């Protein structure tokens, strides 16, 4: 999964931060069905920061 969206994609970009792979997969599926562009998932804080620093993120779904 671990992918960023293309620069030409106008959909809102949502970063998934989740350390459990199956949960992240469910979140990704639900967001794509709702027509969001998915970034990630990031399984830890350091990886999430890489995604944030690498491009525009409109929102995030974060596991606390």
PDB file of N, CA and C in Angstrom:
ATOM      1  N   UNK A   1       0.843  -1.174   0.000  1.00  0.00           N
ATOM      2  CA  UNK A   1       0.000   0.000   0.000  1.00  0.00           C
ATOM      3  C   UNK A   1       0.884   1.232   0.000  1.00  0.00           C
ATOM      4  N   UNK A   2       1.621   1.603   0.904  1.00  0.00           N
ATOM      5  CA  UNK A   2       2.589   2.682   1.072  1.00  0.00           C
ATOM      6  C   UNK A   2       2.805   3.552  -0.164  1.00  0.00           C
ATOM      7  N   UNK A   3       1.811   4.370  -0.513  1.00  0.00           N
ATOM      8  CA  UNK A   3       1.916   5.168  -1.729  1.00  0.00           C
ATOM      9  C   UNK A   3       1.409   6.576  -1.495  1.00  0.00           C
ATOM     10  N   UNK A   4       1.943   7.501  -2.253  1.00  0.00           N
ATOM     11  CA  UNK A   4       1.450   8.871  -2.239  1.00  0.00           C
ATOM     12  C   UNK A   4       0.653   9.085  -3.510  1.00  0.00           C
ATOM     13  N   UNK A   5      -0.189  10.088  -3.501  1.00  0.00           N
ATOM     14  CA  UNK A   5      -0.999  10.361  -4.674  1.00  0.00           C
ATOM     15  C   UNK A   5      -0.236  11.239  -5.643  1.00  0.00           C
ATOM     16  N   UNK A   6      -0.699  11.280  -6.866  1.00  0.00           N
ATOM     17  CA  UNK A   6      -0.026  12.072  -7.883  1.00  0.00           C
ATOM     18  C   UNK A   6      -0.327  13.554  -7.696  1.00  0.00           C
ATOM     19  N   UNK A   7       0.561  14.400  -8.195  1.00  0.00           N
ATOM     20  CA  UNK A   7       0.428  15.847  -8.042  1.00  0.00           C
ATOM     21  C   UNK A   7      -0.824  16.376  -8.736  1.00  0.00           C
ATOM     22  N   UNK A   8      -1.297  15.723  -9.782  1.00  0.00           N
ATOM     23  CA  UNK A   8      -2.458  16.188 -10.522  1.00  0.00           C
ATOM     24  C   UNK A   8      -3.788  15.781  -9.921  1.00  0.00           C
ATOM     25  N   UNK A   9      -3.790  15.037  -8.855  1.00  0.00           N
ATOM     26  CA  UNK A   9      -5.015  14.559  -8.218  1.00  0.00           C
ATOM     27  C   UNK A   9      -5.631  15.688  -7.389  1.00  0.00           C
ATOM     28  N   UNK A  10      -6.851  16.077  -7.703  1.00  0.00           N
ATOM     29  CA  UNK A  10      -7.494  17.198  -7.007  1.00  0.00           C
ATOM     30  C   UNK A  10      -8.315  16.767  -5.796  1.00  0.00           C
ATOM     31  N   UNK A  11      -8.412  15.462  -5.562  1.00  0.00           N
ATOM     32  CA  UNK A  11      -9.174  15.000  -4.402  1.00  0.00           C
ATOM     33  C   UNK A  11      -8.438  15.352  -3.109  1.00  0.00           C
ATOM     34  N   UNK A  12      -9.147  15.521  -1.993  1.00  0.00           N
ATOM     35  CA  UNK A  12      -8.479  15.756  -0.719  1.00  0.00           C
ATOM     36  C   UNK A  12      -7.556  14.583  -0.374  1.00  0.00           C
ATOM     37  N   UNK A  13      -6.346  14.909   0.068  1.00  0.00           N
ATOM     38  CA  UNK A  13      -5.360  13.878   0.393  1.00  0.00           C
ATOM     39  C   UNK A  13      -5.360  13.623   1.899  1.00  0.00           C
ATOM     40  N   UNK A  14      -5.618  12.381   2.256  1.00  0.00           N
ATOM     41  CA  UNK A  14      -5.716  11.985   3.650  1.00  0.00           C
ATOM     42  C   UNK A  14      -4.581  11.021   3.978  1.00  0.00           C
ATOM     43  N   UNK A  15      -3.817  11.377   4.991  1.00  0.00           N
ATOM     44  CA  UNK A  15      -2.728  10.529   5.470  1.00  0.00           C
ATOM     45  C   UNK A  15      -3.271   9.560   6.507  1.00  0.00           C
ATOM     46  N   UNK A  16      -2.970   8.287   6.336  1.00  0.00           N
ATOM     47  CA  UNK A  16      -3.335   7.272   7.325  1.00  0.00           C
ATOM     48  C   UNK A  16      -2.110   6.992   8.183  1.00  0.00           C
ATOM     49  N   UNK A  17      -2.280   7.135   9.509  1.00  0.00           N
ATOM     50  CA  UNK A  17      -1.217   6.800  10.462  1.00  0.00           C
ATOM     51  C   UNK A  17      -1.775   5.694  11.347  1.00  0.00           C
ATOM     52  N   UNK A  18      -1.327   4.480  11.090  1.00  0.00           N
ATOM     53  CA  UNK A  18      -1.867   3.294  11.770  1.00  0.00           C
ATOM     54  C   UNK A  18      -0.814   2.201  11.759  1.00  0.00           C
ATOM     55  N   UNK A  19      -0.532   1.620  12.921  1.00  0.00           N
ATOM     56  CA  UNK A  19       0.500   0.594  12.992  1.00  0.00           C
ATOM     57  C   UNK A  19      -0.023  -0.818  12.736  1.00  0.00           C
ATOM     58  N   UNK A  20      -1.331  -1.004  12.719  1.00  0.00           N
ATOM     59  CA  UNK A  20      -1.893  -2.327  12.436  1.00  0.00           C
ATOM     60  C   UNK A  20      -2.300  -2.372  10.960  1.00  0.00           C
ATOM     61  N   UNK A  21      -1.646  -3.249  10.214  1.00  0.00           N
ATOM     62  CA  UNK A  21      -1.816  -3.322   8.770  1.00  0.00           C
ATOM     63  C   UNK A  21      -3.272  -3.539   8.348  1.00  0.00           C
ATOM     64  N   UNK A  22      -3.973  -4.464   8.979  1.00  0.00           N
ATOM     65  CA  UNK A  22      -5.353  -4.746   8.571  1.00  0.00           C
ATOM     66  C   UNK A  22      -6.280  -3.565   8.830  1.00  0.00           C
ATOM     67  N   UNK A  23      -6.073  -2.865   9.924  1.00  0.00           N
ATOM     68  CA  UNK A  23      -6.874  -1.686  10.223  1.00  0.00           C
ATOM     69  C   UNK A  23      -6.595  -0.605   9.179  1.00  0.00           C
ATOM     70  N   UNK A  24      -5.315  -0.408   8.842  1.00  0.00           N
ATOM     71  CA  UNK A  24      -4.939   0.576   7.824  1.00  0.00           C
ATOM     72  C   UNK A  24      -5.583   0.230   6.482  1.00  0.00           C
ATOM     73  N   UNK A  25      -5.618  -1.048   6.135  1.00  0.00           N
ATOM     74  CA  UNK A  25      -6.257  -1.486   4.888  1.00  0.00           C
ATOM     75  C   UNK A  25      -7.743  -1.138   4.887  1.00  0.00           C
ATOM     76  N   UNK A  26      -8.422  -1.365   6.009  1.00  0.00           N
ATOM     77  CA  UNK A  26      -9.847  -1.028   6.103  1.00  0.00           C
ATOM     78  C   UNK A  26     -10.067   0.471   5.948  1.00  0.00           C
ATOM     79  N   UNK A  27      -9.235   1.267   6.627  1.00  0.00           N
ATOM     80  CA  UNK A  27      -9.339   2.720   6.507  1.00  0.00           C
ATOM     81  C   UNK A  27      -9.114   3.164   5.064  1.00  0.00           C
ATOM     82  N   UNK A  28      -8.087   2.598   4.427  1.00  0.00           N
ATOM     83  CA  UNK A  28      -7.790   2.974   3.047  1.00  0.00           C
ATOM     84  C   UNK A  28      -8.968   2.671   2.133  1.00  0.00           C
ATOM     85  N   UNK A  29      -9.532   1.495   2.278  1.00  0.00           N
ATOM     86  CA  UNK A  29     -10.666   1.105   1.439  1.00  0.00           C
ATOM     87  C   UNK A  29     -11.839   2.068   1.635  1.00  0.00           C
ATOM     88  N   UNK A  30     -12.157   2.377   2.880  1.00  0.00           N
ATOM     89  CA  UNK A  30     -13.282   3.267   3.172  1.00  0.00           C
ATOM     90  C   UNK A  30     -13.041   4.671   2.612  1.00  0.00           C
ATOM     91  N   UNK A  31     -11.826   5.176   2.755  1.00  0.00           N
ATOM     92  CA  UNK A  31     -11.520   6.511   2.242  1.00  0.00           C
ATOM     93  C   UNK A  31     -11.579   6.557   0.723  1.00  0.00           C
ATOM     94  N   UNK A  32     -11.046   5.534   0.063  1.00  0.00           N
ATOM     95  CA  UNK A  32     -11.101   5.499  -1.404  1.00  0.00           C
ATOM     96  C   UNK A  32     -12.547   5.393  -1.902  1.00  0.00           C
ATOM     97  N   UNK A  33     -13.362   4.614  -1.208  1.00  0.00           N
ATOM     98  CA  UNK A  33     -14.778   4.505  -1.568  1.00  0.00           C
ATOM     99  C   UNK A  33     -15.481   5.847  -1.438  1.00  0.00           C
ATOM    100  N   UNK A  34     -15.029   6.675  -0.499  1.00  0.00           N
ATOM    101  CA  UNK A  34     -15.602   8.006  -0.291  1.00  0.00           C
ATOM    102  C   UNK A  34     -14.929   9.049  -1.184  1.00  0.00           C
ATOM    103  N   UNK A  35     -14.094   8.603  -2.115  1.00  0.00           N
ATOM    104  CA  UNK A  35     -13.423   9.436  -3.108  1.00  0.00           C
ATOM    105  C   UNK A  35     -12.363  10.378  -2.543  1.00  0.00           C
ATOM    106  N   UNK A  36     -11.661   9.906  -1.514  1.00  0.00           N
ATOM    107  CA  UNK A  36     -10.487  10.619  -1.021  1.00  0.00           C
ATOM    108  C   UNK A  36      -9.245   9.987  -1.634  1.00  0.00           C
ATOM    109  N   UNK A  37      -8.198  10.777  -1.770  1.00  0.00           N
ATOM    110  CA  UNK A  37      -6.893  10.258  -2.172  1.00  0.00           C
ATOM    111  C   UNK A  37      -6.162   9.866  -0.891  1.00  0.00           C
ATOM    112  N   UNK A  38      -5.625   8.663  -0.854  1.00  0.00           N
ATOM    113  CA  UNK A  38      -4.993   8.147   0.358  1.00  0.00           C
ATOM    114  C   UNK A  38      -3.481   8.269   0.250  1.00  0.00           C
ATOM    115  N   UNK A  39      -2.873   8.765   1.319  1.00  0.00           N
ATOM    116  CA  UNK A  39      -1.425   8.847   1.444  1.00  0.00           C
ATOM    117  C   UNK A  39      -1.036   7.930   2.596  1.00  0.00           C
ATOM    118  N   UNK A  40      -0.031   7.094   2.364  1.00  0.00           N
ATOM    119  CA  UNK A  40       0.421   6.184   3.423  1.00  0.00           C
ATOM    120  C   UNK A  40      -0.056   4.774   3.170  1.00  0.00           C
ATOM    121  N   UNK A  41      -0.138   4.017   4.215  1.00  0.00           N
ATOM    122  CA  UNK A  41      -0.142   4.410   5.616  1.00  0.00           C
ATOM    123  C   UNK A  41       1.268   4.583   6.184  1.00  0.00           C
ATOM    124  N   UNK A  42       1.342   5.357   7.231  1.00  0.00           N
ATOM    125  CA  UNK A  42       2.568   5.481   8.011  1.00  0.00           C
ATOM    126  C   UNK A  42       2.348   4.669   9.281  1.00  0.00           C
ATOM    127  N   UNK A  43       3.290   3.817   9.603  1.00  0.00           N
ATOM    128  CA  UNK A  43       3.119   2.964  10.776  1.00  0.00           C
ATOM    129  C   UNK A  43       3.735   3.557  12.040  1.00  0.00           C
ATOM    130  N   UNK A  44       4.398   4.716  11.893  1.00  0.00           N
ATOM    131  CA  UNK A  44       4.987   5.369  13.066  1.00  0.00           C
ATOM    132  C   UNK A  44       5.091   6.876  12.820  1.00  0.00           C
ATOM    133  N   UNK A  45       5.426   7.605  13.878  1.00  0.00           N
ATOM    134  CA  UNK A  45       5.490   9.062  13.822  1.00  0.00           C
ATOM    135  C   UNK A  45       6.532   9.554  12.817  1.00  0.00           C
ATOM    136  N   UNK A  46       7.700   8.921  12.800  1.00  0.00           N
ATOM    137  CA  UNK A  46       8.773   9.345  11.892  1.00  0.00           C
ATOM    138  C   UNK A  46       8.334   9.225  10.430  1.00  0.00           C
ATOM    139  N   UNK A  47       7.689   8.133  10.081  1.00  0.00           N
ATOM    140  CA  UNK A  47       7.211   7.947   8.702  1.00  0.00           C
ATOM    141  C   UNK A  47       6.102   8.950   8.372  1.00  0.00           C
ATOM    142  N   UNK A  48       5.242   9.227   9.335  1.00  0.00           N
ATOM    143  CA  UNK A  48       4.179  10.214   9.117  1.00  0.00           C
ATOM    144  C   UNK A  48       4.785  11.582   8.807  1.00  0.00           C
ATOM    145  N   UNK A  49       5.826  11.957   9.531  1.00  0.00           N
ATOM    146  CA  UNK A  49       6.492  13.233   9.277  1.00  0.00           C
ATOM    147  C   UNK A  49       7.095  13.284   7.878  1.00  0.00           C
ATOM    148  N   UNK A  50       7.638  12.164   7.404  1.00  0.00           N
ATOM    149  CA  UNK A  50       8.180  12.112   6.043  1.00  0.00           C
ATOM    150  C   UNK A  50       7.090  12.422   5.017  1.00  0.00           C
ATOM    151  N   UNK A  51       5.925  11.831   5.196  1.00  0.00           N
ATOM    152  CA  UNK A  51       4.816  12.084   4.281  1.00  0.00           C
ATOM    153  C   UNK A  51       4.377  13.541   4.357  1.00  0.00           C
ATOM    154  N   UNK A  52       4.287  14.077   5.568  1.00  0.00           N
ATOM    155  CA  UNK A  52       3.847  15.457   5.750  1.00  0.00           C
ATOM    156  C   UNK A  52       4.835  16.426   5.117  1.00  0.00           C
ATOM    157  N   UNK A  53       6.109  16.197   5.327  1.00  0.00           N
ATOM    158  CA  UNK A  53       7.134  17.073   4.768  1.00  0.00           C
ATOM    159  C   UNK A  53       7.249  16.922   3.253  1.00  0.00           C
ATOM    160  N   UNK A  54       6.820  15.788   2.734  1.00  0.00           N
ATOM    161  CA  UNK A  54       6.960  15.506   1.308  1.00  0.00           C
ATOM    162  C   UNK A  54       5.881  16.085   0.421  1.00  0.00           C
ATOM    163  N   UNK A  55       4.818  16.594   0.988  1.00  0.00           N
ATOM    164  CA  UNK A  55       3.764  17.121   0.136  1.00  0.00           C
ATOM    165  C   UNK A  55       2.582  17.632   0.927  1.00  0.00           C
ATOM    166  N   UNK A  56       1.599  18.088   0.190  1.00  0.00           N
ATOM    167  CA  UNK A  56       0.406  18.670   0.793  1.00  0.00           C
ATOM    168  C   UNK A  56      -0.516  17.557   1.290  1.00  0.00           C
ATOM    169  N   UNK A  57      -0.841  17.631   2.563  1.00  0.00           N
ATOM    170  CA  UNK A  57      -1.783  16.697   3.163  1.00  0.00           C
ATOM    171  C   UNK A  57      -2.978  17.537   3.627  1.00  0.00           C
ATOM    172  N   UNK A  58      -4.173  17.140   3.244  1.00  0.00           N
ATOM    173  CA  UNK A  58      -5.368  17.895   3.621  1.00  0.00           C
ATOM    174  C   UNK A  58      -5.943  17.462   4.965  1.00  0.00           C
ATOM    175  N   UNK A  59      -5.636  16.253   5.364  1.00  0.00           N
ATOM    176  CA  UNK A  59      -6.151  15.741   6.637  1.00  0.00           C
ATOM    177  C   UNK A  59      -5.458  14.442   6.969  1.00  0.00           C
ATOM    178  N   UNK A  60      -5.721  13.941   8.154  1.00  0.00           N
ATOM    179  CA  UNK A  60      -5.087  12.697   8.579  1.00  0.00           C
ATOM    180  C   UNK A  60      -6.062  11.886   9.426  1.00  0.00           C
ATOM    181  N   UNK A  61      -5.926  10.594   9.308  1.00  0.00           N
ATOM    182  CA  UNK A  61      -6.633   9.641  10.147  1.00  0.00           C
ATOM    183  C   UNK A  61      -5.543   9.005  10.999  1.00  0.00           C
ATOM    184  N   UNK A  62      -5.543   9.308  12.301  1.00  0.00           N
ATOM    185  CA  UNK A  62      -4.430   8.947  13.168  1.00  0.00           C
ATOM    186  C   UNK A  62      -4.887   7.996  14.267  1.00  0.00           C
ATOM    187  N   UNK A  63      -4.169   6.911  14.407  1.00  0.00           N
ATOM    188  CA  UNK A  63      -4.383   5.972  15.510  1.00  0.00           C
ATOM    189  C   UNK A  63      -3.657   6.532  16.728  1.00  0.00           C
ATOM    190  N   UNK A  64      -4.375   6.693  17.819  1.00  0.00           N
ATOM    191  CA  UNK A  64      -3.765   7.248  19.033  1.00  0.00           C
ATOM    192  C   UNK A  64      -3.368   6.129  19.969  1.00  0.00           C
TER     193      UNK A  64
END
